[in-house]
PDB file of N, CA and C in Angstrom:
ATOM      1  N   MET A   1       0.248  -1.028  -0.307  1.00  0.00           N
ATOM      2  CA  MET A   1       0.025  -0.301  -0.142  1.00  0.00           C
ATOM      3  C   MET A   1       0.920   1.301   0.048  1.00  0.00           C
ATOM      4  N   ILE A   2       0.299   2.320  -0.487  1.00  0.00           N
ATOM      5  CA  ILE A   2       0.853   3.456  -0.683  1.00  0.00           C
ATOM      6  C   ILE A   2      -0.010   4.866  -0.367  1.00  0.00           C
ATOM      7  N   THR A   3       0.676   5.819   0.373  1.00  0.00           N
ATOM      8  CA  THR A   3      -0.165   6.617   0.720  1.00  0.00           C
ATOM      9  C   THR A   3       0.413   7.821   1.105  1.00  0.00           C
ATOM     10  N   ASN A   4      -0.003   9.061   0.168  1.00  0.00           N
ATOM     11  CA  ASN A   4       0.624  10.161   0.293  1.00  0.00           C
ATOM     12  C   ASN A   4       0.277  11.100   1.782  1.00  0.00           C
ATOM     13  N   THR A   5       1.217  11.265   2.547  1.00  0.00           N
ATOM     14  CA  THR A   5       1.327  12.024   3.793  1.00  0.00           C
ATOM     15  C   THR A   5       1.851  13.051   3.698  1.00  0.00           C
ATOM     16  N   GLY A   6       1.963  14.110   2.368  1.00  0.00           N
ATOM     17  CA  GLY A   6       2.242  15.316   1.893  1.00  0.00           C
ATOM     18  C   GLY A   6       0.995  15.823   2.097  1.00  0.00           C
ATOM     19  N   ALA A   7       1.414  17.107   2.277  1.00  0.00           N
ATOM     20  CA  ALA A   7       0.613  18.410   2.070  1.00  0.00           C
ATOM     21  C   ALA A   7      -0.133  18.600   0.645  1.00  0.00           C
ATOM     22  N   TYR A   8       0.294  17.758  -0.038  1.00  0.00           N
ATOM     23  CA  TYR A   8      -0.277  17.883  -1.759  1.00  0.00           C
ATOM     24  C   TYR A   8      -0.869  16.918  -2.075  1.00  0.00           C
ATOM     25  N   ALA A   9      -1.210  16.847  -3.492  1.00  0.00           N
ATOM     26  CA  ALA A   9      -1.489  16.024  -4.110  1.00  0.00           C
ATOM     27  C   ALA A   9      -0.309  15.873  -5.274  1.00  0.00           C
ATOM     28  N   GLY A  10      -0.130  14.250  -5.430  1.00  0.00           N
ATOM     29  CA  GLY A  10       1.244  14.411  -5.920  1.00  0.00           C
ATOM     30  C   GLY A  10       0.987  12.542  -6.829  1.00  0.00           C
ATOM     31  N   GLU A  11       2.102  12.178  -7.463  1.00  0.00           N
ATOM     32  CA  GLU A  11       2.177  10.995  -7.710  1.00  0.00           C
ATOM     33  C   GLU A  11       3.607  10.479  -7.656  1.00  0.00           C
ATOM     34  N   GLU A  12       3.306   9.140  -7.767  1.00  0.00           N
ATOM     35  CA  GLU A  12       4.771   7.964  -7.748  1.00  0.00           C
ATOM     36  C   GLU A  12       4.795   6.918  -8.480  1.00  0.00           C
ATOM     37  N   VAL A  13       5.855   6.786  -8.724  1.00  0.00           N
ATOM     38  CA  VAL A  13       6.464   5.836  -9.946  1.00  0.00           C
ATOM     39  C   VAL A  13       6.196   4.426  -8.745  1.00  0.00           C
ATOM     40  N   VAL A  14       5.746   3.520  -8.606  1.00  0.00           N
ATOM     41  CA  VAL A  14       5.643   2.279  -7.742  1.00  0.00           C
ATOM     42  C   VAL A  14       6.934   1.146  -8.642  1.00  0.00           C
ATOM     43  N   GLN A  15       8.211   0.830  -8.193  1.00  0.00           N
ATOM     44  CA  GLN A  15       9.013  -0.050  -9.110  1.00  0.00           C
ATOM     45  C   GLN A  15       9.151  -1.067  -8.382  1.00  0.00           C
ATOM     46  N   LEU A  16       9.216  -2.188  -9.406  1.00  0.00           N
ATOM     47  CA  LEU A  16       9.292  -3.655  -8.957  1.00  0.00           C
ATOM     48  C   LEU A  16      10.736  -4.355  -9.528  1.00  0.00           C
ATOM     49  N   TYR A  17      11.377  -4.639  -8.511  1.00  0.00           N
ATOM     50  CA  TYR A  17      12.539  -4.575  -9.244  1.00  0.00           C
ATOM     51  C   TYR A  17      13.316  -6.575  -8.900  1.00  0.00           C
ATOM     52  N   LEU A  18      13.516  -7.118  -9.596  1.00  0.00           N
ATOM     53  CA  LEU A  18      13.778  -8.746  -9.262  1.00  0.00           C
ATOM     54  C   LEU A  18      15.344  -8.765  -9.006  1.00  0.00           C
ATOM     55  N   GLU A  19      15.720  -9.897  -8.330  1.00  0.00           N
ATOM     56  CA  GLU A  19      17.231 -10.080  -8.060  1.00  0.00           C
ATOM     57  C   GLU A  19      17.162 -11.888  -8.144  1.00  0.00           C
ATOM     58  N   THR A  20      18.179 -12.144  -9.168  1.00  0.00           N
ATOM     59  CA  THR A  20      18.083 -13.481  -9.095  1.00  0.00           C
ATOM     60  C   THR A  20      19.230 -14.307  -8.411  1.00  0.00           C
ATOM     61  N   GLY A  21      20.512 -13.373  -7.873  1.00  0.00           N
ATOM     62  CA  GLY A  21      21.433 -13.657  -7.193  1.00  0.00           C
ATOM     63  C   GLY A  21      22.777 -14.696  -8.193  1.00  0.00           C
ATOM     64  N   LEU A  22      22.284 -14.765  -9.356  1.00  0.00           N
ATOM     65  CA  LEU A  22      23.381 -15.750 -10.276  1.00  0.00           C
ATOM     66  C   LEU A  22      24.949 -14.171 -10.389  1.00  0.00           C
ATOM     67  N   LYS A  23      25.779 -15.481 -10.670  1.00  0.00           N
ATOM     68  CA  LYS A  23      26.861 -14.317 -10.562  1.00  0.00           C
ATOM     69  C   LYS A  23      26.731 -13.669 -12.086  1.00  0.00           C
ATOM     70  N   ASP A  24      27.036 -13.848 -13.139  1.00  0.00           N
ATOM     71  CA  ASP A  24      26.277 -12.999 -14.360  1.00  0.00           C
ATOM     72  C   ASP A  24      25.271 -12.555 -15.008  1.00  0.00           C
ATOM     73  N   ASP A  25      24.275 -12.386 -13.675  1.00  0.00           N
ATOM     74  CA  ASP A  25      23.250 -11.196 -14.025  1.00  0.00           C
ATOM     75  C   ASP A  25      23.454  -9.746 -13.294  1.00  0.00           C
ATOM     76  N   PRO A  26      22.609  -9.065 -13.680  1.00  0.00           N
ATOM     77  CA  PRO A  26      22.904  -7.944 -12.913  1.00  0.00           C
ATOM     78  C   PRO A  26      22.303  -7.953 -11.701  1.00  0.00           C
ATOM     79  N   VAL A  27      22.737  -7.107 -10.552  1.00  0.00           N
ATOM     80  CA  VAL A  27      21.698  -7.230  -9.049  1.00  0.00           C
ATOM     81  C   VAL A  27      20.633  -6.963  -9.194  1.00  0.00           C
ATOM     82  N   VAL A  28      20.134  -6.035  -9.590  1.00  0.00           N
ATOM     83  CA  VAL A  28      18.748  -6.293  -9.776  1.00  0.00           C
ATOM     84  C   VAL A  28      18.671  -5.812 -10.920  1.00  0.00           C
ATOM     85  N   VAL A  29      16.977  -6.107 -11.180  1.00  0.00           N
ATOM     86  CA  VAL A  29      16.657  -5.750 -12.975  1.00  0.00           C
ATOM     87  C   VAL A  29      15.587  -5.192 -12.805  1.00  0.00           C
ATOM     88  N   LEU A  30      15.163  -4.068 -13.394  1.00  0.00           N
ATOM     89  CA  LEU A  30      13.610  -3.673 -13.098  1.00  0.00           C
ATOM     90  C   LEU A  30      12.643  -4.669 -14.254  1.00  0.00           C
ATOM     91  N   ARG A  31      11.571  -4.899 -13.142  1.00  0.00           N
ATOM     92  CA  ARG A  31      10.738  -5.815 -14.461  1.00  0.00           C
ATOM     93  C   ARG A  31       9.340  -5.418 -14.228  1.00  0.00           C
ATOM     94  N   ASN A  32       8.749  -4.321 -13.667  1.00  0.00           N
ATOM     95  CA  ASN A  32       7.469  -3.763 -13.749  1.00  0.00           C
ATOM     96  C   ASN A  32       7.242  -2.229 -13.043  1.00  0.00           C
ATOM     97  N   PHE A  33       6.857  -1.416 -13.638  1.00  0.00           N
ATOM     98  CA  PHE A  33       6.428  -0.150 -12.514  1.00  0.00           C
ATOM     99  C   PHE A  33       5.091   0.064 -13.340  1.00  0.00           C
ATOM    100  N   GLU A  34       4.771   0.874 -12.251  1.00  0.00           N
ATOM    101  CA  GLU A  34       3.219   1.517 -12.542  1.00  0.00           C
ATOM    102  C   GLU A  34       3.175   3.163 -11.553  1.00  0.00           C
ATOM    103  N   LYS A  35       2.895   4.417 -12.639  1.00  0.00           N
ATOM    104  CA  LYS A  35       2.482   5.578 -11.961  1.00  0.00           C
ATOM    105  C   LYS A  35       1.421   5.592 -11.077  1.00  0.00           C
ATOM    106  N   VAL A  36       1.276   6.339 -10.192  1.00  0.00           N
ATOM    107  CA  VAL A  36      -0.144   6.266  -9.230  1.00  0.00           C
ATOM    108  C   VAL A  36      -0.228   8.010  -9.057  1.00  0.00           C
ATOM    109  N   SER A  37      -1.327   8.195  -9.046  1.00  0.00           N
ATOM    110  CA  SER A  37      -1.361   9.822  -8.179  1.00  0.00           C
ATOM    111  C   SER A  37      -2.442   9.367  -7.307  1.00  0.00           C
ATOM    112  N   LEU A  38      -1.852  10.031  -6.177  1.00  0.00           N
ATOM    113  CA  LEU A  38      -2.608  10.386  -4.860  1.00  0.00           C
ATOM    114  C   LEU A  38      -2.891  11.720  -4.580  1.00  0.00           C
ATOM    115  N   ALA A  39      -4.244  12.203  -4.099  1.00  0.00           N
ATOM    116  CA  ALA A  39      -4.502  13.259  -3.234  1.00  0.00           C
ATOM    117  C   ALA A  39      -4.334  13.109  -1.990  1.00  0.00           C
ATOM    118  N   VAL A  40      -4.191  14.522  -1.038  1.00  0.00           N
ATOM    119  CA  VAL A  40      -3.322  14.290   0.030  1.00  0.00           C
ATOM    120  C   VAL A  40      -4.313  12.927   0.781  1.00  0.00           C
ATOM    121  N   GLY A  41      -3.951  12.421   1.476  1.00  0.00           N
ATOM    122  CA  GLY A  41      -4.183  11.413   2.934  1.00  0.00           C
ATOM    123  C   GLY A  41      -4.716  10.334   2.129  1.00  0.00           C
ATOM    124  N   GLN A  42      -4.757  10.130   0.605  1.00  0.00           N
ATOM    125  CA  GLN A  42      -5.186   8.825  -0.328  1.00  0.00           C
ATOM    126  C   GLN A  42      -4.197   8.122  -0.055  1.00  0.00           C
ATOM    127  N   SER A  43      -4.552   6.286   0.229  1.00  0.00           N
ATOM    128  CA  SER A  43      -3.947   4.999   0.186  1.00  0.00           C
ATOM    129  C   SER A  43      -4.425   4.137  -1.231  1.00  0.00           C
ATOM    130  N   THR A  44      -3.854   3.381  -1.843  1.00  0.00           N
ATOM    131  CA  THR A  44      -3.684   2.986  -2.909  1.00  0.00           C
ATOM    132  C   THR A  44      -3.140   1.344  -2.404  1.00  0.00           C
ATOM    133  N   VAL A  45      -3.432   0.167  -3.142  1.00  0.00           N
ATOM    134  CA  VAL A  45      -2.669  -0.862  -3.187  1.00  0.00           C
ATOM    135  C   VAL A  45      -2.401  -1.260  -4.492  1.00  0.00           C
ATOM    136  N   VAL A  46      -1.203  -0.784  -4.364  1.00  0.00           N
ATOM    137  CA  VAL A  46      -0.867  -1.320  -6.165  1.00  0.00           C
ATOM    138  C   VAL A  46      -0.408  -2.922  -6.230  1.00  0.00           C
ATOM    139  N   ARG A  47      -0.651  -3.548  -7.561  1.00  0.00           N
ATOM    140  CA  ARG A  47      -0.784  -4.717  -7.813  1.00  0.00           C
ATOM    141  C   ARG A  47       0.150  -4.928  -8.966  1.00  0.00           C
ATOM    142  N   MET A  48       1.474  -6.068  -8.741  1.00  0.00           N
ATOM    143  CA  MET A  48       1.645  -6.038 -10.177  1.00  0.00           C
ATOM    144  C   MET A  48       2.110  -7.278 -10.349  1.00  0.00           C
ATOM    145  N   MET A  49       2.140  -7.602 -11.581  1.00  0.00           N
ATOM    146  CA  MET A  49       2.191  -9.235 -11.842  1.00  0.00           C
ATOM    147  C   MET A  49       3.650  -9.551 -12.872  1.00  0.00           C
ATOM    148  N   LEU A  50       4.191 -10.439 -12.599  1.00  0.00           N
ATOM    149  CA  LEU A  50       5.581 -11.213 -13.313  1.00  0.00           C
ATOM    150  C   LEU A  50       4.679 -11.848 -14.125  1.00  0.00           C
ATOM    151  N   ASN A  51       5.625 -12.290 -15.311  1.00  0.00           N
ATOM    152  CA  ASN A  51       5.367 -13.512 -16.145  1.00  0.00           C
ATOM    153  C   ASN A  51       6.635 -14.308 -16.423  1.00  0.00           C
ATOM    154  N   ARG A  52       6.479 -15.382 -16.769  1.00  0.00           N
ATOM    155  CA  ARG A  52       7.291 -16.062 -16.893  1.00  0.00           C
ATOM    156  C   ARG A  52       8.594 -16.078 -17.399  1.00  0.00           C
ATOM    157  N   LYS A  53       8.764 -14.941 -18.390  1.00  0.00           N
ATOM    158  CA  LYS A  53       9.748 -14.362 -19.118  1.00  0.00           C
ATOM    159  C   LYS A  53      10.210 -13.384 -18.105  1.00  0.00           C
ATOM    160  N   ASP A  54       9.581 -12.768 -17.080  1.00  0.00           N
ATOM    161  CA  ASP A  54      10.486 -11.903 -16.313  1.00  0.00           C
ATOM    162  C   ASP A  54      11.382 -12.703 -15.314  1.00  0.00           C
ATOM    163  N   LEU A  55      10.915 -13.953 -15.151  1.00  0.00           N
ATOM    164  CA  LEU A  55      11.857 -14.825 -14.150  1.00  0.00           C
ATOM    165  C   LEU A  55      13.028 -15.232 -14.976  1.00  0.00           C
ATOM    166  N   ALA A  56      12.947 -15.451 -16.596  1.00  0.00           N
ATOM    167  CA  ALA A  56      13.963 -16.403 -17.314  1.00  0.00           C
ATOM    168  C   ALA A  56      15.121 -15.470 -17.706  1.00  0.00           C
ATOM    169  N   ARG A  57      16.211 -16.235 -18.207  1.00  0.00           N
ATOM    170  CA  ARG A  57      17.100 -15.795 -19.124  1.00  0.00           C
ATOM    171  C   ARG A  57      17.229 -16.362 -20.240  1.00  0.00           C
ATOM    172  N   TRP A  58      17.955 -15.706 -21.425  1.00  0.00           N
ATOM    173  CA  TRP A  58      17.913 -16.416 -22.584  1.00  0.00           C
ATOM    174  C   TRP A  58      19.306 -17.387 -22.750  1.00  0.00           C
ATOM    175  N   ASP A  59      18.896 -18.565 -23.101  1.00  0.00           N
ATOM    176  CA  ASP A  59      19.751 -19.549 -22.959  1.00  0.00           C
ATOM    177  C   ASP A  59      20.662 -19.439 -23.747  1.00  0.00           C
ATOM    178  N   VAL A  60      21.425 -19.129 -24.556  1.00  0.00           N
ATOM    179  CA  VAL A  60      21.869 -19.498 -25.959  1.00  0.00           C
ATOM    180  C   VAL A  60      22.285 -20.486 -26.343  1.00  0.00           C
ATOM    181  N   VAL A  61      22.093 -21.713 -25.925  1.00  0.00           N
ATOM    182  CA  VAL A  61      22.914 -23.144 -26.316  1.00  0.00           C
ATOM    183  C   VAL A  61      21.058 -23.906 -26.557  1.00  0.00           C
ATOM    184  N   LYS A  62      19.957 -23.662 -25.615  1.00  0.00           N
ATOM    185  CA  LYS A  62      18.778 -23.854 -26.202  1.00  0.00           C
ATOM    186  C   LYS A  62      18.536 -22.850 -27.018  1.00  0.00           C
ATOM    187  N   GLN A  63      18.697 -22.109 -27.149  1.00  0.00           N
ATOM    188  CA  GLN A  63      17.851 -20.726 -28.031  1.00  0.00           C
ATOM    189  C   GLN A  63      16.570 -20.578 -27.688  1.00  0.00           C
ATOM    190  N   ASP A  64      16.199 -20.805 -25.735  1.00  0.00           N
ATOM    191  CA  ASP A  64      15.212 -20.258 -25.542  1.00  0.00           C
ATOM    192  C   ASP A  64      14.902 -19.891 -24.375  1.00  0.00           C
ATOM    193  N   TRP A  65      14.309 -19.032 -23.650  1.00  0.00           N
ATOM    194  CA  TRP A  65      14.114 -18.411 -21.977  1.00  0.00           C
ATOM    195  C   TRP A  65      13.938 -19.502 -21.478  1.00  0.00           C
ATOM    196  N   VAL A  66      14.990 -19.531 -20.227  1.00  0.00           N
ATOM    197  CA  VAL A  66      14.691 -20.718 -19.096  1.00  0.00           C
ATOM    198  C   VAL A  66      14.369 -19.789 -18.189  1.00  0.00           C
ATOM    199  N   VAL A  67      13.849 -20.328 -17.116  1.00  0.00           N
ATOM    200  CA  VAL A  67      13.778 -20.447 -15.929  1.00  0.00           C
ATOM    201  C   VAL A  67      14.693 -20.856 -14.782  1.00  0.00           C
ATOM    202  N   THR A  68      15.705 -20.159 -14.469  1.00  0.00           N
ATOM    203  CA  THR A  68      16.766 -20.767 -13.568  1.00  0.00           C
ATOM    204  C   THR A  68      16.371 -21.037 -12.460  1.00  0.00           C
ATOM    205  N   GLU A  69      17.187 -22.152 -11.742  1.00  0.00           N
ATOM    206  CA  GLU A  69      16.571 -22.720 -10.321  1.00  0.00           C
ATOM    207  C   GLU A  69      17.130 -21.739  -9.380  1.00  0.00           C
ATOM    208  N   GLY A  70      16.598 -21.903  -8.246  1.00  0.00           N
ATOM    209  CA  GLY A  70      17.346 -20.501  -6.795  1.00  0.00           C
ATOM    210  C   GLY A  70      16.081 -20.040  -6.580  1.00  0.00           C
ATOM    211  N   VAL A  71      16.467 -19.678  -5.304  1.00  0.00           N
ATOM    212  CA  VAL A  71      15.109 -18.018  -4.666  1.00  0.00           C
ATOM    213  C   VAL A  71      15.813 -17.228  -5.280  1.00  0.00           C
ATOM    214  N   LYS A  72      14.482 -16.347  -5.896  1.00  0.00           N
ATOM    215  CA  LYS A  72      14.410 -14.818  -6.458  1.00  0.00           C
ATOM    216  C   LYS A  72      14.213 -13.979  -5.209  1.00  0.00           C
ATOM    217  N   LYS A  73      14.726 -12.745  -5.540  1.00  0.00           N
ATOM    218  CA  LYS A  73      14.348 -11.487  -4.439  1.00  0.00           C
ATOM    219  C   LYS A  73      13.732 -10.925  -4.993  1.00  0.00           C
ATOM    220  N   VAL A  74      12.408 -10.265  -4.612  1.00  0.00           N
ATOM    221  CA  VAL A  74      11.831  -9.341  -5.177  1.00  0.00           C
ATOM    222  C   VAL A  74      11.798  -8.218  -4.437  1.00  0.00           C
ATOM    223  N   ARG A  75      11.708  -7.082  -5.203  1.00  0.00           N
ATOM    224  CA  ARG A  75      12.221  -5.610  -4.206  1.00  0.00           C
ATOM    225  C   ARG A  75      10.930  -4.723  -5.138  1.00  0.00           C
ATOM    226  N   VAL A  76      10.359  -3.716  -4.117  1.00  0.00           N
ATOM    227  CA  VAL A  76       9.656  -2.759  -4.611  1.00  0.00           C
ATOM    228  C   VAL A  76       9.586  -1.421  -3.696  1.00  0.00           C
ATOM    229  N   GLY A  77       9.622  -0.094  -4.636  1.00  0.00           N
ATOM    230  CA  GLY A  77      10.385   0.924  -3.806  1.00  0.00           C
ATOM    231  C   GLY A  77       9.605   1.767  -5.123  1.00  0.00           C
ATOM    232  N   SER A  78      10.325   2.771  -4.615  1.00  0.00           N
ATOM    233  CA  SER A  78      10.341   4.328  -5.654  1.00  0.00           C
ATOM    234  C   SER A  78      11.565   4.204  -6.370  1.00  0.00           C
ATOM    235  N   SER A  79      12.827   3.466  -5.980  1.00  0.00           N
ATOM    236  CA  SER A  79      14.005   3.587  -6.906  1.00  0.00           C
ATOM    237  C   SER A  79      14.796   1.780  -6.969  1.00  0.00           C
ATOM    238  N   SER A  80      15.501   1.678  -7.318  1.00  0.00           N
ATOM    239  CA  SER A  80      15.932   0.523  -6.883  1.00  0.00           C
ATOM    240  C   SER A  80      17.247   0.715  -5.710  1.00  0.00           C
ATOM    241  N   ARG A  81      17.372   2.161  -5.387  1.00  0.00           N
ATOM    242  CA  ARG A  81      18.058   2.410  -3.854  1.00  0.00           C
ATOM    243  C   ARG A  81      16.712   2.668  -2.901  1.00  0.00           C
ATOM    244  N   ASN A  82      15.698   2.516  -3.146  1.00  0.00           N
ATOM    245  CA  ASN A  82      14.744   2.568  -1.953  1.00  0.00           C
ATOM    246  C   ASN A  82      13.799   1.769  -2.409  1.00  0.00           C
ATOM    247  N   THR A  83      13.775   0.174  -1.748  1.00  0.00           N
ATOM    248  CA  THR A  83      13.116  -0.566  -1.997  1.00  0.00           C
ATOM    249  C   THR A  83      12.433  -1.285  -0.452  1.00  0.00           C
ATOM    250  N   PRO A  84      11.926  -0.535  -0.041  1.00  0.00           N
ATOM    251  CA  PRO A  84      11.122  -1.190   1.454  1.00  0.00           C
ATOM    252  C   PRO A  84      10.523  -2.561   1.472  1.00  0.00           C
ATOM    253  N   LEU A  85       9.711  -2.844   0.464  1.00  0.00           N
ATOM    254  CA  LEU A  85       9.374  -4.194   0.510  1.00  0.00           C
ATOM    255  C   LEU A  85      10.046  -4.954  -0.096  1.00  0.00           C
ATOM    256  N   THR A  86      10.246  -6.296   0.682  1.00  0.00           N
ATOM    257  CA  THR A  86      11.062  -7.143   0.323  1.00  0.00           C
ATOM    258  C   THR A  86      10.079  -8.698   0.048  1.00  0.00           C
ATOM    259  N   GLY A  87      10.683  -9.505  -0.451  1.00  0.00           N
ATOM    260  CA  GLY A  87      10.105 -10.914  -0.988  1.00  0.00           C
ATOM    261  C   GLY A  87      11.005 -11.939  -1.289  1.00  0.00           C
ATOM    262  N   THR A  88      10.575 -12.915  -1.384  1.00  0.00           N
ATOM    263  CA  THR A  88      11.363 -14.041  -1.945  1.00  0.00           C
ATOM    264  C   THR A  88      10.375 -14.741  -3.100  1.00  0.00           C
ATOM    265  N   LEU A  89      10.986 -15.195  -4.040  1.00  0.00           N
ATOM    266  CA  LEU A  89      10.156 -16.725  -5.241  1.00  0.00           C
ATOM    267  C   LEU A  89      11.297 -17.578  -4.976  1.00  0.00           C
ATOM    268  N   THR A  90      10.749 -19.131  -4.776  1.00  0.00           N
ATOM    269  CA  THR A  90      11.002 -20.178  -4.606  1.00  0.00           C
ATOM    270  C   THR A  90      11.097 -20.384  -6.195  1.00  0.00           C
TER     271      THR A  90
END
């Protein structure tokens, strides 16, 4: 849930990042985002979906997208440096 605690109406871009933990992958990758407008004091729940391709990487040998083994971390926030909501996918 996101809440506008300020004195003015505003907008925020909620961003969802995925961390695979694999050595040759980036530390975090932006996988979804949504811009929301909020009036003063307004709260809203932002729902985001991940599809199979969001969880996969390209396998050059198989020439196909492959979902890798292991735990993946999901981070949600206003930027890659501010992700107060975290979870895991197994």
